[in-house]
Amino acid sequence: MKRRSFLQGTALSAAGFGLTAGKEQKRGEKSFKVCATLDQQKVSFYADVITESIKVIHIADTHLFKDDERGIPYEEYSGRMAGAYHETSHFQTRIKTNPEASFEQTLAFAKEVNADVITLVGDIFSFPSELAIEWVLSKLNAVDIPYIFVAGNHDWHYEGMNGSLESLRNTWIKKRLLPLYQGNNPLMAAYDIKGIRFLAIDNSTYEINEEQLDFFSKQVATGIPLVLLVHIPMYAPGKGIYFGCGNPNWGSETDRNFKLEKRPKWPSSGHTQTTFDFLRKVFDAPNLIGIFAGHIHRNSIEVIKGVPQIVSDDNASGGYLDIDFLPFEEQHKNLI
């Protein structure tokens, strides 16, 4: 699948999916039978609506810090993160590595396995460096595999710069990150791949806005099988504060890093009602077959109301997810 045909396939049309119309569902009842298995970075994802295999290489938290003379005026805002990931240890071998090497190795693996799409789900950059963004675009163009990008909280953040999180995100998306979205809406977009619709929704401020909630609601109403891509994992009972999208404990009292990251403190009122409504909508969506995220720098899997959420290790340390979406084989249908 070349990038041109992939991009032309992102129109929000329900045609051509071969889904059975008129299937009755109760509220909150899952439409599809889903089985997900996780073995370190290898994910096998089976669903009865998958008709042909899809290979996804999922990357989060590379934290590239490359910069040049264009970044000199911003050094007071980029200094801490510019020095944060110069050397890392590989998440499996513990051999010394670095973000550039890890990113290139992961792209080479995607090429080797003939991936259908690369999902880049945030904190690919430690700050919005022009050089780092140009370098990633050049590497993606060279590997010639379709990709989806959604921002994380570091991609657009210059630490200590004045402004709200929303205004800073909008500013640096427009000034620096925009080419990575390939003409799609940076805060919400849909990508159709072999009958599955991948939704990239930016929750990098930890919050969801009304337009994003409306967008997701309309996607659920199509009945098309959906996969949700977000940087910050959706809250699941028992998880910590950095599973922070819809976390009932998120707010000023639990914000330990606002001084370190030189950003506004999380609000004392906690999440907006819109964010909580989004959380409920996600886990009630009958056609959502899975969620993939990053942010926490370690592998994780949660199942909430039958929906698997899988989180990747950080790519700065060589982590990624090698995901296969697969049809059920006959022997599996007899078992499940």
Protein backbone atom coordinates (compact mmCIF):
# COMPACT_ATOMS: atom_id res chain seq x y z
CA MET A 1 0.00 0.00 0.00
CA LYS A 2 1.66 3.22 -1.13
CA ARG A 3 1.18 6.49 0.68
CA ARG A 4 -0.81 8.02 -2.17
CA SER A 5 -3.49 5.33 -2.15
CA PHE A 6 -3.58 5.37 1.65
CA LEU A 7 -4.23 9.08 1.83
CA GLN A 8 -6.93 8.85 -0.79
CA GLY A 9 -8.61 6.21 1.34
CA THR A 10 -9.27 8.44 4.34
CA ALA A 11 -12.65 9.79 3.25
CA LEU A 12 -15.33 9.23 5.86
CA SER A 13 -17.52 6.91 3.84
CA ALA A 14 -19.15 3.73 5.09
CA ALA A 15 -19.22 2.17 1.64
CA GLY A 16 -17.17 -0.86 0.72
CA PHE A 17 -16.77 -2.43 4.15
CA GLY A 18 -19.06 -5.41 3.65
CA LEU A 19 -20.61 -5.07 7.10
CA THR A 20 -23.95 -6.64 7.80
CA ALA A 21 -26.55 -3.92 8.15
CA GLY A 22 -29.34 -3.96 10.68
CA LYS A 23 -27.58 -5.92 13.38
CA GLU A 24 -29.46 -5.16 16.61
CA GLN A 25 -27.46 -4.07 19.62
CA LYS A 26 -28.33 -3.13 23.16
CA ARG A 27 -26.71 0.00 24.56
CA GLY A 28 -23.10 -0.76 25.47
CA GLU A 29 -23.20 -4.22 23.87
CA LYS A 30 -20.11 -5.02 21.80
CA SER A 31 -20.73 -5.53 18.09
CA PHE A 32 -17.65 -7.61 17.44
CA LYS A 33 -15.91 -10.58 18.94
CA VAL A 34 -12.34 -9.53 19.79
CA CYS A 35 -9.31 -11.44 21.07
CA ALA A 36 -6.04 -9.59 21.80
CA THR A 37 -2.78 -11.16 22.97
CA LEU A 38 0.39 -9.35 24.06
CA ASP A 39 3.89 -10.85 24.27
CA GLN A 40 6.36 -8.06 25.03
CA GLN A 41 6.11 -5.82 21.94
CA LYS A 42 4.24 -8.37 19.80
CA VAL A 43 0.46 -7.88 19.62
CA SER A 44 -1.93 -10.24 17.86
CA PHE A 45 -5.37 -8.75 17.51
CA TYR A 46 -8.21 -10.92 16.20
CA ALA A 47 -11.75 -9.79 15.44
CA ASP A 48 -14.58 -11.33 13.49
CA VAL A 49 -14.91 -8.13 11.38
CA ILE A 50 -11.31 -8.27 10.16
CA THR A 51 -11.34 -9.72 6.64
CA GLU A 52 -7.65 -9.35 5.75
CA SER A 53 -4.52 -8.91 7.82
CA ILE A 54 -3.18 -5.45 8.71
CA LYS A 55 0.38 -4.96 9.95
CA VAL A 56 0.89 -1.90 12.16
CA ILE A 57 4.14 -0.66 13.68
CA HIS A 58 3.24 1.56 16.63
CA ILE A 59 5.74 4.14 17.90
CA ALA A 60 5.46 6.44 20.90
CA ASP A 61 7.83 8.53 23.01
CA THR A 62 10.96 8.67 20.84
CA HIS A 63 11.86 12.06 22.38
CA LEU A 64 14.09 13.29 19.57
CA PHE A 65 16.08 16.36 20.62
CA LYS A 66 18.00 17.24 17.42
CA ASP A 67 18.33 21.00 16.96
CA ASP A 68 20.39 23.58 15.08
CA GLU A 69 20.94 27.33 14.99
CA ARG A 70 17.23 27.89 14.39
CA GLY A 71 16.61 26.62 17.91
CA ILE A 72 18.99 29.06 19.61
CA PRO A 73 16.26 31.66 20.35
CA TYR A 74 14.29 28.96 22.19
CA GLU A 75 17.08 27.42 24.28
CA GLU A 76 15.69 28.80 27.54
CA TYR A 77 12.55 26.75 26.85
CA SER A 78 14.15 23.60 25.38
CA GLY A 79 17.21 23.17 27.60
CA ARG A 80 15.96 20.53 30.05
CA MET A 81 14.41 18.24 27.45
CA ALA A 82 17.32 18.79 25.04
CA GLY A 83 19.54 17.04 27.57
CA ALA A 84 17.11 14.38 28.77
CA TYR A 85 17.58 11.49 26.32
CA HIS A 86 21.10 11.71 24.89
CA GLU A 87 21.77 8.11 25.90
CA THR A 88 19.25 5.42 26.78
CA SER A 89 19.33 1.70 27.51
CA HIS A 90 17.49 -0.65 25.18
CA PHE A 91 14.29 -1.84 26.83
CA GLN A 92 15.16 -5.51 26.23
CA THR A 93 18.96 -5.86 25.92
CA ARG A 94 19.93 -2.91 28.18
CA ILE A 95 22.63 -2.07 25.63
CA LYS A 96 23.25 1.66 25.29
CA THR A 97 21.29 3.35 22.50
CA ASN A 98 19.74 6.73 21.70
CA PRO A 99 16.46 8.08 20.24
CA GLU A 100 17.76 8.55 16.68
CA ALA A 101 19.12 5.01 16.45
CA SER A 102 15.94 3.57 17.96
CA PHE A 103 13.69 5.43 15.53
CA GLU A 104 15.73 4.41 12.49
CA GLN A 105 15.83 0.77 13.63
CA THR A 106 12.07 0.72 14.14
CA LEU A 107 11.45 2.19 10.68
CA ALA A 108 13.82 -0.39 9.20
CA PHE A 109 11.84 -3.13 10.93
CA ALA A 110 8.58 -1.68 9.55
CA LYS A 111 10.08 -1.85 6.07
CA GLU A 112 11.34 -5.39 6.62
CA VAL A 113 7.92 -6.69 7.68
CA ASN A 114 6.10 -4.72 4.96
CA ALA A 115 3.94 -2.78 7.40
CA ASP A 116 0.66 -1.34 6.14
CA VAL A 117 0.95 1.71 8.37
CA ILE A 118 3.18 3.28 11.01
CA THR A 119 1.32 4.92 13.90
CA LEU A 120 3.20 7.75 15.62
CA VAL A 121 1.26 8.52 18.78
CA GLY A 122 3.05 11.36 20.41
CA ASP A 123 6.22 12.60 22.06
CA ILE A 124 8.16 11.71 18.96
CA PHE A 125 9.89 15.03 19.77
CA SER A 126 11.03 16.40 23.13
CA PHE A 127 10.13 19.89 21.93
CA PRO A 128 9.08 21.28 18.52
CA SER A 129 12.55 21.52 16.95
CA GLU A 130 12.52 22.36 13.25
CA LEU A 131 15.54 20.14 12.59
CA ALA A 132 14.06 17.13 14.39
CA ILE A 133 10.74 17.48 12.54
CA GLU A 134 12.50 17.77 9.17
CA TRP A 135 14.63 14.73 10.03
CA VAL A 136 11.58 12.59 10.87
CA LEU A 137 9.78 13.67 7.70
CA SER A 138 12.83 12.73 5.63
CA LYS A 139 13.04 9.30 7.27
CA LEU A 140 9.32 8.67 6.76
CA ASN A 141 9.52 9.71 3.13
CA ALA A 142 12.51 7.41 2.59
CA VAL A 143 10.82 4.35 4.10
CA ASP A 144 7.68 5.06 1.99
CA ILE A 145 5.14 3.49 4.36
CA PRO A 146 1.85 5.30 5.16
CA TYR A 147 1.86 6.86 8.59
CA ILE A 148 -0.51 8.46 11.08
CA PHE A 149 0.70 11.15 13.50
CA VAL A 150 -1.02 12.42 16.64
CA ALA A 151 0.76 14.76 19.05
CA GLY A 152 1.88 14.13 22.60
CA ASN A 153 2.35 16.63 25.39
CA HIS A 154 6.05 17.22 24.59
CA ASP A 155 5.79 17.53 20.80
CA TRP A 156 4.47 21.09 20.99
CA HIS A 157 5.72 22.15 24.46
CA TYR A 158 8.50 24.65 25.04
CA GLU A 159 8.88 24.56 28.81
CA GLY A 160 8.20 27.88 30.51
CA MET A 161 6.71 29.61 27.49
CA ASN A 162 3.72 31.78 28.36
CA GLY A 163 0.26 30.65 27.33
CA SER A 164 -2.38 28.04 28.05
CA LEU A 165 -1.74 24.46 27.01
CA GLU A 166 -4.41 24.75 24.30
CA SER A 167 -2.98 27.97 22.84
CA LEU A 168 0.59 26.64 22.87
CA ARG A 169 -0.52 23.40 21.21
CA ASN A 170 -2.33 25.32 18.47
CA THR A 171 0.63 27.67 17.95
CA TRP A 172 3.32 25.04 17.56
CA ILE A 173 1.19 22.66 15.53
CA LYS A 174 0.68 25.47 13.02
CA LYS A 175 4.30 26.69 13.12
CA ARG A 176 6.15 23.38 13.16
CA LEU A 177 4.19 20.11 13.29
CA LEU A 178 1.60 20.72 10.56
CA PRO A 179 3.38 18.79 7.73
CA LEU A 180 3.16 15.59 9.77
CA TYR A 181 -0.65 15.63 9.54
CA GLN A 182 -0.60 15.35 5.72
CA GLY A 183 -3.50 17.75 5.30
CA ASN A 184 -5.71 16.18 7.98
CA ASN A 185 -7.15 17.88 11.06
CA PRO A 186 -4.42 17.79 13.75
CA LEU A 187 -6.85 17.26 16.62
CA MET A 188 -9.02 14.54 15.09
CA ALA A 189 -8.79 12.51 11.90
CA ALA A 190 -9.94 9.19 10.44
CA TYR A 191 -7.82 6.82 8.33
CA ASP A 192 -9.39 3.81 6.59
CA ILE A 193 -7.18 0.74 6.18
CA LYS A 194 -8.54 -2.54 4.82
CA GLY A 195 -11.96 -2.13 6.40
CA ILE A 196 -10.80 -0.80 9.77
CA ARG A 197 -11.06 2.91 10.62
CA PHE A 198 -8.19 4.27 12.71
CA LEU A 199 -9.11 7.41 14.67
CA ALA A 200 -6.28 9.73 15.71
CA ILE A 201 -7.52 11.99 18.51
CA ASP A 202 -5.20 14.46 20.25
CA ASN A 203 -5.56 14.30 24.04
CA SER A 204 -2.10 15.76 24.71
CA THR A 205 -3.50 18.37 27.13
CA TYR A 206 -5.12 15.44 29.02
CA GLU A 207 -8.48 16.85 27.95
CA ILE A 208 -10.98 16.34 25.10
CA ASN A 209 -12.92 19.23 23.59
CA GLU A 210 -16.52 19.32 22.34
CA GLU A 211 -15.55 19.08 18.68
CA GLN A 212 -13.51 15.94 19.34
CA LEU A 213 -16.35 14.36 21.31
CA ASP A 214 -18.77 15.12 18.49
CA PHE A 215 -16.32 13.69 15.94
CA PHE A 216 -15.96 10.45 17.91
CA SER A 217 -19.72 10.15 18.41
CA LYS A 218 -20.27 10.42 14.65
CA GLN A 219 -17.65 7.74 14.01
CA VAL A 220 -19.38 5.39 16.46
CA ALA A 221 -22.68 6.01 14.67
CA THR A 222 -21.24 4.71 11.37
CA GLY A 223 -20.99 1.16 12.75
CA ILE A 224 -17.58 0.78 11.04
CA PRO A 225 -15.01 -1.09 13.18
CA LEU A 226 -12.83 1.50 14.93
CA VAL A 227 -9.36 1.61 16.47
CA LEU A 228 -8.57 4.62 18.67
CA LEU A 229 -5.07 6.17 18.69
CA VAL A 230 -4.27 8.55 21.58
CA HIS A 231 -1.07 9.62 23.27
CA ILE A 232 -2.29 9.63 26.87
CA PRO A 233 -3.95 6.34 27.87
CA MET A 234 -7.61 6.32 28.77
CA TYR A 235 -8.20 5.89 32.49
CA ALA A 236 -8.78 2.37 33.78
CA PRO A 237 -9.66 1.53 37.40
CA GLY A 238 -6.55 0.85 39.43
CA LYS A 239 -4.19 2.75 37.12
CA GLY A 240 -2.05 5.73 38.14
CA ILE A 241 -2.41 9.41 37.38
CA TYR A 242 -0.64 9.26 34.02
CA PHE A 243 -3.49 7.14 32.70
CA GLY A 244 -4.82 10.63 32.72
CA CYS A 245 -7.56 10.97 30.11
CA GLY A 246 -10.74 10.70 32.15
CA ASN A 247 -8.95 9.94 35.42
CA PRO A 248 -11.23 10.98 38.35
CA ASN A 249 -8.12 11.80 40.42
CA TRP A 250 -6.57 14.11 37.81
CA GLY A 251 -6.21 17.70 38.98
CA SER A 252 -4.09 20.16 40.94
CA GLU A 253 -3.73 17.95 44.01
CA THR A 254 -2.10 15.16 41.99
CA ASP A 255 0.01 17.34 39.67
CA ARG A 256 3.57 16.74 40.85
CA ASN A 257 5.46 17.85 37.72
CA PHE A 258 4.10 21.27 36.78
CA LYS A 259 7.16 23.06 38.19
CA LEU A 260 9.60 20.64 36.56
CA GLU A 261 7.85 20.91 33.20
CA LYS A 262 7.26 24.67 33.61
CA ARG A 263 3.62 24.55 32.57
CA PRO A 264 0.28 25.61 34.04
CA LYS A 265 -0.86 23.42 36.92
CA TRP A 266 -3.72 21.07 36.23
CA PRO A 267 -7.03 22.67 37.29
CA SER A 268 -8.34 22.19 40.81
CA SER A 269 -11.72 21.23 39.32
CA GLY A 270 -10.18 18.26 37.52
CA HIS A 271 -11.36 17.13 34.11
CA THR A 272 -14.10 18.84 32.16
CA GLN A 273 -17.41 17.06 31.82
CA THR A 274 -16.64 16.71 28.12
CA THR A 275 -13.57 14.60 28.89
CA PHE A 276 -15.57 12.34 31.21
CA ASP A 277 -18.29 12.06 28.55
CA PHE A 278 -15.63 11.01 26.04
CA LEU A 279 -14.32 8.32 28.40
CA ARG A 280 -17.81 6.86 28.75
CA LYS A 281 -18.46 7.15 25.02
CA VAL A 282 -15.23 5.29 24.24
CA PHE A 283 -15.97 2.32 26.44
CA ASP A 284 -19.64 2.17 25.45
CA ALA A 285 -18.84 2.26 21.72
CA PRO A 286 -20.12 -1.06 20.31
CA ASN A 287 -17.82 -0.88 17.25
CA LEU A 288 -14.56 0.07 19.02
CA ILE A 289 -12.24 -2.92 18.84
CA GLY A 290 -9.16 -1.47 20.55
CA ILE A 291 -7.13 1.49 21.83
CA PHE A 292 -3.39 2.09 21.36
CA ALA A 293 -1.46 4.69 23.35
CA GLY A 294 1.92 5.76 24.75
CA HIS A 295 3.02 8.36 27.32
CA ILE A 296 3.84 6.14 30.30
CA HIS A 297 7.11 4.67 28.87
CA ARG A 298 6.23 1.09 29.69
CA ASN A 299 4.21 -1.72 28.21
CA SER A 300 0.69 -2.17 29.54
CA ILE A 301 -2.60 -3.80 28.68
CA GLU A 302 -6.00 -3.11 30.20
CA VAL A 303 -9.43 -4.41 29.25
CA ILE A 304 -12.31 -2.08 30.09
CA LYS A 305 -15.86 -3.21 29.31
CA GLY A 306 -14.44 -5.64 26.75
CA VAL A 307 -12.23 -3.06 24.99
CA PRO A 308 -8.47 -3.80 25.06
CA GLN A 309 -6.15 -0.83 25.57
CA ILE A 310 -2.48 -1.52 24.78
CA VAL A 311 0.31 0.91 25.65
CA SER A 312 3.79 0.84 24.16
CA ASP A 313 7.22 1.02 25.75
CA ASP A 314 9.07 4.21 24.86
CA ASN A 315 10.79 4.27 21.48
CA ALA A 316 13.65 6.32 23.00
CA SER A 317 14.69 3.00 24.56
CA GLY A 318 13.94 0.96 21.45
CA GLY A 319 10.34 0.12 22.32
CA TYR A 320 7.52 -0.22 19.80
CA LEU A 321 4.51 -2.42 19.16
CA ASP A 322 4.44 -4.92 16.31
CA ILE A 323 0.69 -5.29 15.79
CA ASP A 324 -1.11 -7.79 13.58
CA PHE A 325 -4.83 -7.34 13.02
CA LEU A 326 -5.97 -10.77 11.88
CA PRO A 327 -9.15 -12.58 10.86
CA PHE A 328 -10.28 -15.40 13.10
CA GLU A 329 -9.15 -18.75 11.75
CA GLU A 330 -11.69 -21.57 11.72
CA GLN A 331 -9.95 -23.31 14.62
CA HIS A 332 -10.25 -20.12 16.66
CA LYS A 333 -13.94 -19.71 15.81
CA ASN A 334 -14.56 -23.16 17.23
CA LEU A 335 -12.84 -22.21 20.49
CA ILE A 336 -14.07 -18.64 21.02
